[in-house]
């Protein structure tokens, strides 16, 4: 998904920047140690190198804040201080200037890091406000879609609510972050929103679908995707909804994705959807008992459904059902 690509890109940028900083510090230090101090031109070059240390120091503070400051100012002071001790022995006036230079490195780097942190804090505050605005917009759109589905087919709407609760419980059990848990929940809530465009005689048919009818109903993930993808900030949600009927072996629809090509949140929604569909009474079949549904799902694990998620589902369902508890979904925070 886009989020994974973003993290990979950030890792590459970080490694590139660290390489630039380390390379520049090493290069400046080599020039310091290999350039003599006798001639006036050489002395002037050393003054230039002294100032050149400011570049990686300030860049590190801007890129990495206080951590970048510490990880550059320490080696710079060590390298430069050692150079002074070796090549400028007994030159008191020059040594005093060099001590001032070391203190200047610390002050400039510290000020740069503090300013960078302040700028970053302001940027994060703006980002939080923007994320909150986009989330409110998304939740409003989700509520509107849910209301439309409720008006169109209350049975499908109840199914979506159950899938959303179960997907949220599974995401928590899988140890996902709060954002990804929310993505799985919303994916469950909207996974069948595309059935708004399915005719009643197909959606509510009491019997097997023919090939043409099956092809028609298989379009509902694409219809849902087209409805959702235009909402600001809903790109990942649209992808989850589009992919919830994909299967690990590539036999799913609409794109025939395989394995890790399927977003993990979509795999969560898929497991929740299958369990809910098997245990619900539908026009074309009576709901299975929980143990029967789980046994059927175990038969498809690894081929259609993620085996680990099926195991998590069983750990959520059976203990509560054995106690006669129908609110097991709410107890999923561990």
C-alpha atoms as a PDB file:
ATOM      1  CA  UNK A   1       0.000   0.000   0.000  1.00  0.00           C
ATOM      2  CA  UNK A   2       1.031   3.642  -0.231  1.00  0.00           C
ATOM      3  CA  UNK A   3       1.903   3.698   3.454  1.00  0.00           C
ATOM      4  CA  UNK A   4       4.530   0.939   3.049  1.00  0.00           C
ATOM      5  CA  UNK A   5       6.065   2.729   0.062  1.00  0.00           C
ATOM      6  CA  UNK A   6       6.206   5.923   2.128  1.00  0.00           C
ATOM      7  CA  UNK A   7       8.098   4.178   4.955  1.00  0.00           C
ATOM      8  CA  UNK A   8      10.573   2.633   2.483  1.00  0.00           C
ATOM      9  CA  UNK A   9      11.169   6.016   0.879  1.00  0.00           C
ATOM     10  CA  UNK A  10      11.764   7.608   4.300  1.00  0.00           C
ATOM     11  CA  UNK A  11      14.298   4.901   5.188  1.00  0.00           C
ATOM     12  CA  UNK A  12      16.190   5.537   1.961  1.00  0.00           C
ATOM     13  CA  UNK A  13      16.192   9.301   2.582  1.00  0.00           C
ATOM     14  CA  UNK A  14      17.478   8.819   6.137  1.00  0.00           C
ATOM     15  CA  UNK A  15      20.321   6.544   5.021  1.00  0.00           C
ATOM     16  CA  UNK A  16      21.238   8.946   2.222  1.00  0.00           C
ATOM     17  CA  UNK A  17      21.349  11.919   4.583  1.00  0.00           C
ATOM     18  CA  UNK A  18      23.390  10.052   7.192  1.00  0.00           C
ATOM     19  CA  UNK A  19      25.816   9.062   4.436  1.00  0.00           C
ATOM     20  CA  UNK A  20      26.131  12.664   3.279  1.00  0.00           C
ATOM     21  CA  UNK A  21      26.800  13.877   6.847  1.00  0.00           C
ATOM     22  CA  UNK A  22      29.337  11.173   7.654  1.00  0.00           C
ATOM     23  CA  UNK A  23      31.095  11.570   4.310  1.00  0.00           C
ATOM     24  CA  UNK A  24      31.368  15.352   4.598  1.00  0.00           C
ATOM     25  CA  UNK A  25      32.715  15.205   8.181  1.00  0.00           C
ATOM     26  CA  UNK A  26      35.292  12.572   7.216  1.00  0.00           C
ATOM     27  CA  UNK A  27      36.339  14.532   4.104  1.00  0.00           C
ATOM     28  CA  UNK A  28      36.764  17.800   6.016  1.00  0.00           C
ATOM     29  CA  UNK A  29      38.737  15.990   8.733  1.00  0.00           C
ATOM     30  CA  UNK A  30      41.061  14.355   6.172  1.00  0.00           C
ATOM     31  CA  UNK A  31      41.835  17.750   4.659  1.00  0.00           C
ATOM     32  CA  UNK A  32      42.510  19.097   8.152  1.00  0.00           C
ATOM     33  CA  UNK A  33      44.953  16.321   8.971  1.00  0.00           C
ATOM     34  CA  UNK A  34      46.739  16.248   5.606  1.00  0.00           C
ATOM     35  CA  UNK A  35      47.126  19.991   5.032  1.00  0.00           C
ATOM     36  CA  UNK A  36      50.168  21.632   6.556  1.00  0.00           C
ATOM     37  CA  UNK A  37      50.082  24.745   8.734  1.00  0.00           C
ATOM     38  CA  UNK A  38      53.253  26.575   7.745  1.00  0.00           C
ATOM     39  CA  UNK A  39      52.283  28.694   4.744  1.00  0.00           C
ATOM     40  CA  UNK A  40      49.806  31.569   4.851  1.00  0.00           C
ATOM     41  CA  UNK A  41      47.677  29.907   2.163  1.00  0.00           C
ATOM     42  CA  UNK A  42      47.561  26.700   4.181  1.00  0.00           C
ATOM     43  CA  UNK A  43      46.504  28.618   7.277  1.00  0.00           C
ATOM     44  CA  UNK A  44      43.729  30.333   5.301  1.00  0.00           C
ATOM     45  CA  UNK A  45      42.595  26.917   4.023  1.00  0.00           C
ATOM     46  CA  UNK A  46      42.411  25.660   7.602  1.00  0.00           C
ATOM     47  CA  UNK A  47      40.179  28.633   8.476  1.00  0.00           C
ATOM     48  CA  UNK A  48      37.909  27.644   5.576  1.00  0.00           C
ATOM     49  CA  UNK A  49      37.816  24.018   6.785  1.00  0.00           C
ATOM     50  CA  UNK A  50      36.965  25.284  10.259  1.00  0.00           C
ATOM     51  CA  UNK A  51      33.887  26.988   8.854  1.00  0.00           C
ATOM     52  CA  UNK A  52      33.090  24.019   6.621  1.00  0.00           C
ATOM     53  CA  UNK A  53      32.298  21.903   9.689  1.00  0.00           C
ATOM     54  CA  UNK A  54      29.261  24.164  10.171  1.00  0.00           C
ATOM     55  CA  UNK A  55      27.604  22.738   7.058  1.00  0.00           C
ATOM     56  CA  UNK A  56      27.087  19.122   8.244  1.00  0.00           C
ATOM     57  CA  UNK A  57      26.408  20.376  11.767  1.00  0.00           C
ATOM     58  CA  UNK A  58      23.546  22.665  10.702  1.00  0.00           C
ATOM     59  CA  UNK A  59      22.251  20.137   8.144  1.00  0.00           C
ATOM     60  CA  UNK A  60      22.111  17.403  10.811  1.00  0.00           C
ATOM     61  CA  UNK A  61      20.216  19.711  13.167  1.00  0.00           C
ATOM     62  CA  UNK A  62      17.707  20.589  10.443  1.00  0.00           C
ATOM     63  CA  UNK A  63      17.244  16.988   9.255  1.00  0.00           C
ATOM     64  CA  UNK A  64      17.281  15.154  12.595  1.00  0.00           C
ATOM     65  CA  UNK A  65      16.789  17.805  15.301  1.00  0.00           C
ATOM     66  CA  UNK A  66      18.536  17.461  18.659  1.00  0.00           C
ATOM     67  CA  UNK A  67      19.598  13.886  17.944  1.00  0.00           C
ATOM     68  CA  UNK A  68      21.320  15.009  14.746  1.00  0.00           C
ATOM     69  CA  UNK A  69      23.065  17.811  16.632  1.00  0.00           C
ATOM     70  CA  UNK A  70      24.536  15.445  19.237  1.00  0.00           C
ATOM     71  CA  UNK A  71      25.627  12.836  16.717  1.00  0.00           C
ATOM     72  CA  UNK A  72      27.531  15.411  14.650  1.00  0.00           C
ATOM     73  CA  UNK A  73      28.869  17.896  17.203  1.00  0.00           C
ATOM     74  CA  UNK A  74      30.576  15.165  19.258  1.00  0.00           C
ATOM     75  CA  UNK A  75      32.687  13.655  16.416  1.00  0.00           C
ATOM     76  CA  UNK A  76      33.385  17.114  14.974  1.00  0.00           C
ATOM     77  CA  UNK A  77      34.703  18.378  18.316  1.00  0.00           C
ATOM     78  CA  UNK A  78      36.753  15.209  18.805  1.00  0.00           C
ATOM     79  CA  UNK A  79      38.267  15.323  15.308  1.00  0.00           C
ATOM     80  CA  UNK A  80      38.919  19.046  15.352  1.00  0.00           C
ATOM     81  CA  UNK A  81      40.202  19.043  18.949  1.00  0.00           C
ATOM     82  CA  UNK A  82      42.628  16.210  18.154  1.00  0.00           C
ATOM     83  CA  UNK A  83      43.832  18.087  15.068  1.00  0.00           C
ATOM     84  CA  UNK A  84      44.474  21.197  17.202  1.00  0.00           C
ATOM     85  CA  UNK A  85      46.366  19.201  19.811  1.00  0.00           C
ATOM     86  CA  UNK A  86      48.602  17.612  17.181  1.00  0.00           C
ATOM     87  CA  UNK A  87      49.313  20.442  14.739  1.00  0.00           C
ATOM     88  CA  UNK A  88      48.969  23.611  16.818  1.00  0.00           C
ATOM     89  CA  UNK A  89      50.914  22.800  19.978  1.00  0.00           C
ATOM     90  CA  UNK A  90      52.226  25.746  22.007  1.00  0.00           C
ATOM     91  CA  UNK A  91      50.402  28.428  19.966  1.00  0.00           C
ATOM     92  CA  UNK A  92      48.365  29.951  22.755  1.00  0.00           C
ATOM     93  CA  UNK A  93      46.654  32.712  20.769  1.00  0.00           C
ATOM     94  CA  UNK A  94      45.667  30.327  18.004  1.00  0.00           C
ATOM     95  CA  UNK A  95      44.571  27.716  20.523  1.00  0.00           C
ATOM     96  CA  UNK A  96      42.234  30.239  22.172  1.00  0.00           C
ATOM     97  CA  UNK A  97      40.650  30.966  18.781  1.00  0.00           C
ATOM     98  CA  UNK A  98      40.230  27.234  18.225  1.00  0.00           C
ATOM     99  CA  UNK A  99      38.546  26.769  21.610  1.00  0.00           C
ATOM    100  CA  UNK A 100      36.158  29.571  20.684  1.00  0.00           C
ATOM    101  CA  UNK A 101      35.535  27.730  17.405  1.00  0.00           C
ATOM    102  CA  UNK A 102      34.618  24.550  19.313  1.00  0.00           C
ATOM    103  CA  UNK A 103      32.196  26.516  21.492  1.00  0.00           C
ATOM    104  CA  UNK A 104      30.776  28.129  18.345  1.00  0.00           C
ATOM    105  CA  UNK A 105      30.105  24.661  16.911  1.00  0.00           C
ATOM    106  CA  UNK A 106      28.117  23.781  20.027  1.00  0.00           C
ATOM    107  CA  UNK A 107      26.136  27.025  20.080  1.00  0.00           C
ATOM    108  CA  UNK A 108      25.363  27.096  16.336  1.00  0.00           C
ATOM    109  CA  UNK A 109      24.379  23.436  16.308  1.00  0.00           C
ATOM    110  CA  UNK A 110      22.220  23.755  19.424  1.00  0.00           C
ATOM    111  CA  UNK A 111      20.402  26.840  18.126  1.00  0.00           C
ATOM    112  CA  UNK A 112      19.848  25.153  14.755  1.00  0.00           C
ATOM    113  CA  UNK A 113      18.442  22.046  16.459  1.00  0.00           C
ATOM    114  CA  UNK A 114      16.104  24.078  18.665  1.00  0.00           C
ATOM    115  CA  UNK A 115      14.831  26.089  15.700  1.00  0.00           C
ATOM    116  CA  UNK A 116      14.365  22.893  13.675  1.00  0.00           C
ATOM    117  CA  UNK A 117      12.412  21.323  16.543  1.00  0.00           C
ATOM    118  CA  UNK A 118      10.176  24.380  16.776  1.00  0.00           C
ATOM    119  CA  UNK A 119       9.492  24.305  13.043  1.00  0.00           C
ATOM    120  CA  UNK A 120       8.803  20.556  13.214  1.00  0.00           C
ATOM    121  CA  UNK A 121       6.425  21.024  16.161  1.00  0.00           C
ATOM    122  CA  UNK A 122       4.483  23.647  14.223  1.00  0.00           C
ATOM    123  CA  UNK A 123       4.389  21.388  11.167  1.00  0.00           C
ATOM    124  CA  UNK A 124       3.117  18.457  13.258  1.00  0.00           C
ATOM    125  CA  UNK A 125       0.443  20.672  14.818  1.00  0.00           C
ATOM    126  CA  UNK A 126      -0.769  21.709  11.355  1.00  0.00           C
ATOM    127  CA  UNK A 127      -0.646  18.068  10.283  1.00  0.00           C
ATOM    128  CA  UNK A 128      -2.770  17.009  13.269  1.00  0.00           C
ATOM    129  CA  UNK A 129      -5.353  19.654  12.446  1.00  0.00           C
ATOM    130  CA  UNK A 130      -5.417  18.550   8.803  1.00  0.00           C
ATOM    131  CA  UNK A 131      -5.674  14.872   9.758  1.00  0.00           C
ATOM    132  CA  UNK A 132      -8.546  15.679  12.106  1.00  0.00           C
ATOM    133  CA  UNK A 133     -10.326  17.618   9.361  1.00  0.00           C
ATOM    134  CA  UNK A 134      -9.862  14.797   6.852  1.00  0.00           C
ATOM    135  CA  UNK A 135     -10.961  12.175   9.388  1.00  0.00           C
ATOM    136  CA  UNK A 136     -14.129  14.143  10.173  1.00  0.00           C
ATOM    137  CA  UNK A 137     -14.827  14.421   6.445  1.00  0.00           C
ATOM    138  CA  UNK A 138     -14.234  10.697   5.977  1.00  0.00           C
ATOM    139  CA  UNK A 139     -16.428   9.690   8.926  1.00  0.00           C
ATOM    140  CA  UNK A 140     -19.181  11.946   7.649  1.00  0.00           C
ATOM    141  CA  UNK A 141     -18.991  10.267   4.238  1.00  0.00           C
ATOM    142  CA  UNK A 142     -18.983   6.823   5.892  1.00  0.00           C
ATOM    143  CA  UNK A 143     -22.105   7.711   7.860  1.00  0.00           C
ATOM    144  CA  UNK A 144     -23.814   8.923   4.695  1.00  0.00           C
ATOM    145  CA  UNK A 145     -22.918   5.713   2.877  1.00  0.00           C
ATOM    146  CA  UNK A 146     -24.139   3.618   5.822  1.00  0.00           C
ATOM    147  CA  UNK A 147     -27.423   5.508   5.869  1.00  0.00           C
ATOM    148  CA  UNK A 148     -27.858   4.930   2.140  1.00  0.00           C
ATOM    149  CA  UNK A 149     -27.138   1.214   2.581  1.00  0.00           C
ATOM    150  CA  UNK A 150     -29.580   1.030   5.507  1.00  0.00           C
ATOM    151  CA  UNK A 151     -32.287   2.557   3.322  1.00  0.00           C
ATOM    152  CA  UNK A 152     -31.424   0.221   0.422  1.00  0.00           C
ATOM    153  CA  UNK A 153     -31.031  -3.078   2.327  1.00  0.00           C
ATOM    154  CA  UNK A 154     -31.039  -3.225   6.128  1.00  0.00           C
ATOM    155  CA  UNK A 155     -29.833  -6.854   6.160  1.00  0.00           C
ATOM    156  CA  UNK A 156     -26.639  -5.908   4.279  1.00  0.00           C
ATOM    157  CA  UNK A 157     -26.238  -2.898   6.557  1.00  0.00           C
ATOM    158  CA  UNK A 158     -26.421  -5.115   9.686  1.00  0.00           C
ATOM    159  CA  UNK A 159     -23.944  -7.502   8.087  1.00  0.00           C
ATOM    160  CA  UNK A 160     -21.538  -4.609   7.448  1.00  0.00           C
ATOM    161  CA  UNK A 161     -21.798  -3.441  11.043  1.00  0.00           C
ATOM    162  CA  UNK A 162     -20.964  -6.917  12.329  1.00  0.00           C
ATOM    163  CA  UNK A 163     -18.042  -7.257   9.900  1.00  0.00           C
ATOM    164  CA  UNK A 164     -16.765  -3.837  11.030  1.00  0.00           C
ATOM    165  CA  UNK A 165     -16.862  -4.856  14.697  1.00  0.00           C
ATOM    166  CA  UNK A 166     -15.187  -8.177  14.004  1.00  0.00           C
ATOM    167  CA  UNK A 167     -12.538  -6.601  11.753  1.00  0.00           C
ATOM    168  CA  UNK A 168     -11.753  -4.096  14.501  1.00  0.00           C
ATOM    169  CA  UNK A 169     -11.415  -6.917  17.043  1.00  0.00           C
ATOM    170  CA  UNK A 170      -9.140  -8.918  14.735  1.00  0.00           C
ATOM    171  CA  UNK A 171      -6.968  -5.875  13.982  1.00  0.00           C
ATOM    172  CA  UNK A 172      -6.529  -5.250  17.699  1.00  0.00           C
ATOM    173  CA  UNK A 173      -5.724  -8.904  18.292  1.00  0.00           C
ATOM    174  CA  UNK A 174      -3.161  -8.750  15.478  1.00  0.00           C
ATOM    175  CA  UNK A 175      -1.432  -5.834  17.248  1.00  0.00           C
ATOM    176  CA  UNK A 176      -1.964  -3.197  14.574  1.00  0.00           C
ATOM    177  CA  UNK A 177      -1.616   0.522  15.217  1.00  0.00           C
ATOM    178  CA  UNK A 178      -4.660   2.649  16.034  1.00  0.00           C
ATOM    179  CA  UNK A 179      -4.780   4.062  12.488  1.00  0.00           C
ATOM    180  CA  UNK A 180      -4.718   0.599  10.928  1.00  0.00           C
ATOM    181  CA  UNK A 181      -7.350  -0.688  13.361  1.00  0.00           C
ATOM    182  CA  UNK A 182      -9.577   2.196  12.287  1.00  0.00           C
ATOM    183  CA  UNK A 183      -8.851   1.417   8.631  1.00  0.00           C
ATOM    184  CA  UNK A 184      -9.906  -2.215   9.132  1.00  0.00           C
ATOM    185  CA  UNK A 185     -13.084  -1.129  10.946  1.00  0.00           C
ATOM    186  CA  UNK A 186     -14.096   1.330   8.249  1.00  0.00           C
ATOM    187  CA  UNK A 187     -13.201  -1.217   5.575  1.00  0.00           C
ATOM    188  CA  UNK A 188     -15.596  -3.663   7.211  1.00  0.00           C
ATOM    189  CA  UNK A 189     -18.296  -1.032   7.488  1.00  0.00           C
ATOM    190  CA  UNK A 190     -18.116  -0.129   3.794  1.00  0.00           C
ATOM    191  CA  UNK A 191     -16.976  -3.397   2.207  1.00  0.00           C
ATOM    192  CA  UNK A 192     -20.416  -4.106   0.705  1.00  0.00           C
ATOM    193  CA  UNK A 193     -21.461  -0.519  -0.033  1.00  0.00           C
ATOM    194  CA  UNK A 194     -21.148  -1.335  -3.741  1.00  0.00           C
ATOM    195  CA  UNK A 195     -24.180  -3.623  -3.420  1.00  0.00           C
ATOM    196  CA  UNK A 196     -26.280  -0.483  -3.536  1.00  0.00           C
ATOM    197  CA  UNK A 197     -25.901  -0.891  -7.297  1.00  0.00           C
ATOM    198  CA  UNK A 198     -26.961  -4.575  -7.350  1.00  0.00           C
ATOM    199  CA  UNK A 199     -30.529  -5.305  -8.436  1.00  0.00           C
ATOM    200  CA  UNK A 200     -32.885  -6.740  -5.799  1.00  0.00           C
ATOM    201  CA  UNK A 201     -33.679  -9.807  -7.893  1.00  0.00           C
ATOM    202  CA  UNK A 202     -29.979 -10.734  -7.752  1.00  0.00           C
ATOM    203  CA  UNK A 203     -29.068  -9.519  -4.270  1.00  0.00           C
ATOM    204  CA  UNK A 204     -32.056 -11.203  -2.605  1.00  0.00           C
ATOM    205  CA  UNK A 205     -32.343 -14.216  -4.902  1.00  0.00           C
ATOM    206  CA  UNK A 206     -33.456 -17.352  -3.066  1.00  0.00           C
ATOM    207  CA  UNK A 207     -31.168 -19.808  -4.824  1.00  0.00           C
ATOM    208  CA  UNK A 208     -27.930 -20.140  -6.768  1.00  0.00           C
ATOM    209  CA  UNK A 209     -26.836 -17.349  -9.083  1.00  0.00           C
ATOM    210  CA  UNK A 210     -26.219 -18.019 -12.756  1.00  0.00           C
ATOM    211  CA  UNK A 211     -22.989 -16.925 -14.426  1.00  0.00           C
ATOM    212  CA  UNK A 212     -24.361 -13.565 -15.582  1.00  0.00           C
ATOM    213  CA  UNK A 213     -25.799 -12.776 -12.146  1.00  0.00           C
ATOM    214  CA  UNK A 214     -22.581 -13.826 -10.435  1.00  0.00           C
ATOM    215  CA  UNK A 215     -20.568 -11.583 -12.756  1.00  0.00           C
ATOM    216  CA  UNK A 216     -22.911  -8.709 -11.933  1.00  0.00           C
ATOM    217  CA  UNK A 217     -22.583  -9.093  -8.156  1.00  0.00           C
ATOM    218  CA  UNK A 218     -18.807  -9.516  -8.453  1.00  0.00           C
ATOM    219  CA  UNK A 219     -18.671  -5.900  -9.597  1.00  0.00           C
ATOM    220  CA  UNK A 220     -19.652  -4.576  -6.171  1.00  0.00           C
ATOM    221  CA  UNK A 221     -16.051  -4.084  -4.907  1.00  0.00           C
ATOM    222  CA  UNK A 222     -15.267  -1.978  -7.977  1.00  0.00           C
ATOM    223  CA  UNK A 223     -18.472   0.038  -7.553  1.00  0.00           C
ATOM    224  CA  UNK A 224     -17.581   0.624  -3.891  1.00  0.00           C
ATOM    225  CA  UNK A 225     -14.043   1.646  -4.846  1.00  0.00           C
ATOM    226  CA  UNK A 226     -15.341   4.220  -7.317  1.00  0.00           C
ATOM    227  CA  UNK A 227     -17.701   5.613  -4.664  1.00  0.00           C
ATOM    228  CA  UNK A 228     -14.992   5.948  -2.002  1.00  0.00           C
ATOM    229  CA  UNK A 229     -11.778   6.829  -3.810  1.00  0.00           C
ATOM    230  CA  UNK A 230     -12.810  10.415  -4.555  1.00  0.00           C
ATOM    231  CA  UNK A 231     -13.151  11.236  -0.840  1.00  0.00           C
ATOM    232  CA  UNK A 232     -10.167  13.193   0.426  1.00  0.00           C
ATOM    233  CA  UNK A 233      -7.930  10.959   2.557  1.00  0.00           C
ATOM    234  CA  UNK A 234      -9.795   7.739   1.680  1.00  0.00           C
ATOM    235  CA  UNK A 235      -7.249   6.254  -0.743  1.00  0.00           C
ATOM    236  CA  UNK A 236      -6.201   3.402   1.579  1.00  0.00           C
ATOM    237  CA  UNK A 237      -9.810   2.730   2.593  1.00  0.00           C
ATOM    238  CA  UNK A 238     -10.849   2.495  -1.060  1.00  0.00           C
ATOM    239  CA  UNK A 239      -8.033  -0.005  -1.653  1.00  0.00           C
ATOM    240  CA  UNK A 240      -9.134  -2.161   1.309  1.00  0.00           C
ATOM    241  CA  UNK A 241     -12.749  -2.217   0.116  1.00  0.00           C
ATOM    242  CA  UNK A 242     -11.680  -3.020  -3.450  1.00  0.00           C
ATOM    243  CA  UNK A 243      -9.534  -5.953  -2.257  1.00  0.00           C
ATOM    244  CA  UNK A 244     -11.737  -7.662   0.347  1.00  0.00           C
ATOM    245  CA  UNK A 245     -12.723 -10.495  -2.030  1.00  0.00           C
ATOM    246  CA  UNK A 246      -9.148 -11.201  -3.147  1.00  0.00           C
ATOM    247  CA  UNK A 247      -7.716 -14.565  -2.034  1.00  0.00           C
ATOM    248  CA  UNK A 248      -4.178 -15.583  -1.141  1.00  0.00           C
ATOM    249  CA  UNK A 249      -3.847 -18.023  -4.058  1.00  0.00           C
ATOM    250  CA  UNK A 250      -4.968 -15.433  -6.616  1.00  0.00           C
ATOM    251  CA  UNK A 251      -8.389 -16.977  -7.222  1.00  0.00           C
ATOM    252  CA  UNK A 252     -10.311 -14.004  -5.840  1.00  0.00           C
ATOM    253  CA  UNK A 253     -11.721 -10.934  -7.568  1.00  0.00           C
ATOM    254  CA  UNK A 254     -11.721  -8.322  -9.039  1.00  0.00           C
ATOM    255  CA  UNK A 255      -7.940  -8.234  -9.745  1.00  0.00           C
ATOM    256  CA  UNK A 256      -6.723 -11.714  -8.824  1.00  0.00           C
ATOM    257  CA  UNK A 257      -4.173 -10.419  -6.304  1.00  0.00           C
ATOM    258  CA  UNK A 258      -1.991 -12.938  -4.458  1.00  0.00           C
ATOM    259  CA  UNK A 259      -0.446 -13.144  -0.990  1.00  0.00           C
ATOM    260  CA  UNK A 260       1.148  -9.899   0.186  1.00  0.00           C
ATOM    261  CA  UNK A 261      -0.263  -8.046  -2.824  1.00  0.00           C
ATOM    262  CA  UNK A 262      -3.506  -7.958  -0.821  1.00  0.00           C
ATOM    263  CA  UNK A 263      -3.543  -5.209   1.844  1.00  0.00           C
ATOM    264  CA  UNK A 264      -3.454  -6.809   5.294  1.00  0.00           C
ATOM    265  CA  UNK A 265      -6.495  -4.818   6.412  1.00  0.00           C
ATOM    266  CA  UNK A 266      -8.388  -6.239   3.407  1.00  0.00           C
ATOM    267  CA  UNK A 267      -7.380  -9.749   4.507  1.00  0.00           C
ATOM    268  CA  UNK A 268      -8.801  -8.951   7.954  1.00  0.00           C
ATOM    269  CA  UNK A 269     -12.081  -7.748   6.416  1.00  0.00           C
ATOM    270  CA  UNK A 270     -12.175 -10.884   4.261  1.00  0.00           C
ATOM    271  CA  UNK A 271     -11.919 -13.205   7.291  1.00  0.00           C
ATOM    272  CA  UNK A 272     -14.577 -11.207   9.160  1.00  0.00           C
ATOM    273  CA  UNK A 273     -16.828 -11.144   6.086  1.00  0.00           C
ATOM    274  CA  UNK A 274     -16.618 -14.901   5.495  1.00  0.00           C
ATOM    275  CA  UNK A 275     -17.361 -15.717   9.138  1.00  0.00           C
ATOM    276  CA  UNK A 276     -20.290 -13.315   9.264  1.00  0.00           C
ATOM    277  CA  UNK A 277     -21.711 -14.576   5.953  1.00  0.00           C
ATOM    278  CA  UNK A 278     -21.439 -18.226   7.039  1.00  0.00           C
ATOM    279  CA  UNK A 279     -23.142 -17.711  10.410  1.00  0.00           C
ATOM    280  CA  UNK A 280     -25.928 -15.414   9.215  1.00  0.00           C
ATOM    281  CA  UNK A 281     -29.263 -16.524   7.827  1.00  0.00           C
ATOM    282  CA  UNK A 282     -29.429 -15.489   4.176  1.00  0.00           C
ATOM    283  CA  UNK A 283     -32.234 -15.856   1.580  1.00  0.00           C
ATOM    284  CA  UNK A 284     -30.234 -18.659  -0.019  1.00  0.00           C
ATOM    285  CA  UNK A 285     -28.953 -20.515   3.099  1.00  0.00           C
ATOM    286  CA  UNK A 286     -29.388 -20.909   6.861  1.00  0.00           C
ATOM    287  CA  UNK A 287     -26.561 -19.754   9.077  1.00  0.00           C
ATOM    288  CA  UNK A 288     -23.984 -22.297  10.259  1.00  0.00           C
ATOM    289  CA  UNK A 289     -23.074 -22.910  13.881  1.00  0.00           C
ATOM    290  CA  UNK A 290     -19.863 -21.188  14.940  1.00  0.00           C
ATOM    291  CA  UNK A 291     -17.795 -24.377  15.118  1.00  0.00           C
ATOM    292  CA  UNK A 292     -18.999 -25.425  11.659  1.00  0.00           C
ATOM    293  CA  UNK A 293     -18.136 -22.033  10.188  1.00  0.00           C
ATOM    294  CA  UNK A 294     -14.666 -22.104  11.756  1.00  0.00           C
ATOM    295  CA  UNK A 295     -14.087 -25.656  10.524  1.00  0.00           C
ATOM    296  CA  UNK A 296     -14.972 -24.550   6.986  1.00  0.00           C
ATOM    297  CA  UNK A 297     -12.654 -21.542   7.266  1.00  0.00           C
ATOM    298  CA  UNK A 298      -9.798 -23.734   8.489  1.00  0.00           C
ATOM    299  CA  UNK A 299     -10.160 -25.787   5.309  1.00  0.00           C
ATOM    300  CA  UNK A 300      -9.477 -22.676   3.210  1.00  0.00           C
ATOM    301  CA  UNK A 301      -6.660 -21.250   5.356  1.00  0.00           C
ATOM    302  CA  UNK A 302      -3.473 -20.604   3.441  1.00  0.00           C
ATOM    303  CA  UNK A 303      -5.263 -20.785   0.088  1.00  0.00           C
ATOM    304  CA  UNK A 304      -8.091 -18.281   0.420  1.00  0.00           C
ATOM    305  CA  UNK A 305      -7.792 -16.892   3.949  1.00  0.00           C
ATOM    306  CA  UNK A 306      -4.803 -15.942   6.100  1.00  0.00           C
ATOM    307  CA  UNK A 307      -4.260 -18.839   8.527  1.00  0.00           C
ATOM    308  CA  UNK A 308      -3.036 -16.652  11.376  1.00  0.00           C
ATOM    309  CA  UNK A 309      -6.120 -14.454  11.131  1.00  0.00           C
ATOM    310  CA  UNK A 310      -8.363 -17.523  11.166  1.00  0.00           C
ATOM    311  CA  UNK A 311      -6.618 -18.645  14.371  1.00  0.00           C
ATOM    312  CA  UNK A 312      -7.136 -15.180  15.886  1.00  0.00           C
ATOM    313  CA  UNK A 313     -10.798 -15.327  14.909  1.00  0.00           C
ATOM    314  CA  UNK A 314     -11.204 -18.674  16.650  1.00  0.00           C
ATOM    315  CA  UNK A 315      -9.521 -17.332  19.787  1.00  0.00           C
ATOM    316  CA  UNK A 316     -11.997 -14.445  19.780  1.00  0.00           C
ATOM    317  CA  UNK A 317     -15.148 -16.403  19.027  1.00  0.00           C
ATOM    318  CA  UNK A 318     -15.089 -19.714  20.831  1.00  0.00           C
ATOM    319  CA  UNK A 319     -14.269 -18.691  24.445  1.00  0.00           C
ATOM    320  CA  UNK A 320     -17.109 -16.165  24.473  1.00  0.00           C
ATOM    321  CA  UNK A 321     -19.600 -18.345  22.648  1.00  0.00           C
ATOM    322  CA  UNK A 322     -18.948 -21.220  25.068  1.00  0.00           C
ATOM    323  CA  UNK A 323     -19.919 -18.866  27.889  1.00  0.00           C
ATOM    324  CA  UNK A 324     -23.067 -17.820  26.033  1.00  0.00           C
ATOM    325  CA  UNK A 325     -21.731 -14.308  25.574  1.00  0.00           C
ATOM    326  CA  UNK A 326     -22.959 -12.540  22.452  1.00  0.00           C
ATOM    327  CA  UNK A 327     -20.953  -9.368  23.031  1.00  0.00           C
ATOM    328  CA  UNK A 328     -17.540 -10.974  22.511  1.00  0.00           C
ATOM    329  CA  UNK A 329     -16.615  -8.346  19.923  1.00  0.00           C
ATOM    330  CA  UNK A 330     -16.475  -5.599  22.532  1.00  0.00           C
ATOM    331  CA  UNK A 331     -13.966  -7.596  24.599  1.00  0.00           C
ATOM    332  CA  UNK A 332     -11.047  -7.467  22.170  1.00  0.00           C
ATOM    333  CA  UNK A 333      -8.563  -5.009  23.602  1.00  0.00           C
ATOM    334  CA  UNK A 334      -5.916  -7.558  24.675  1.00  0.00           C
END
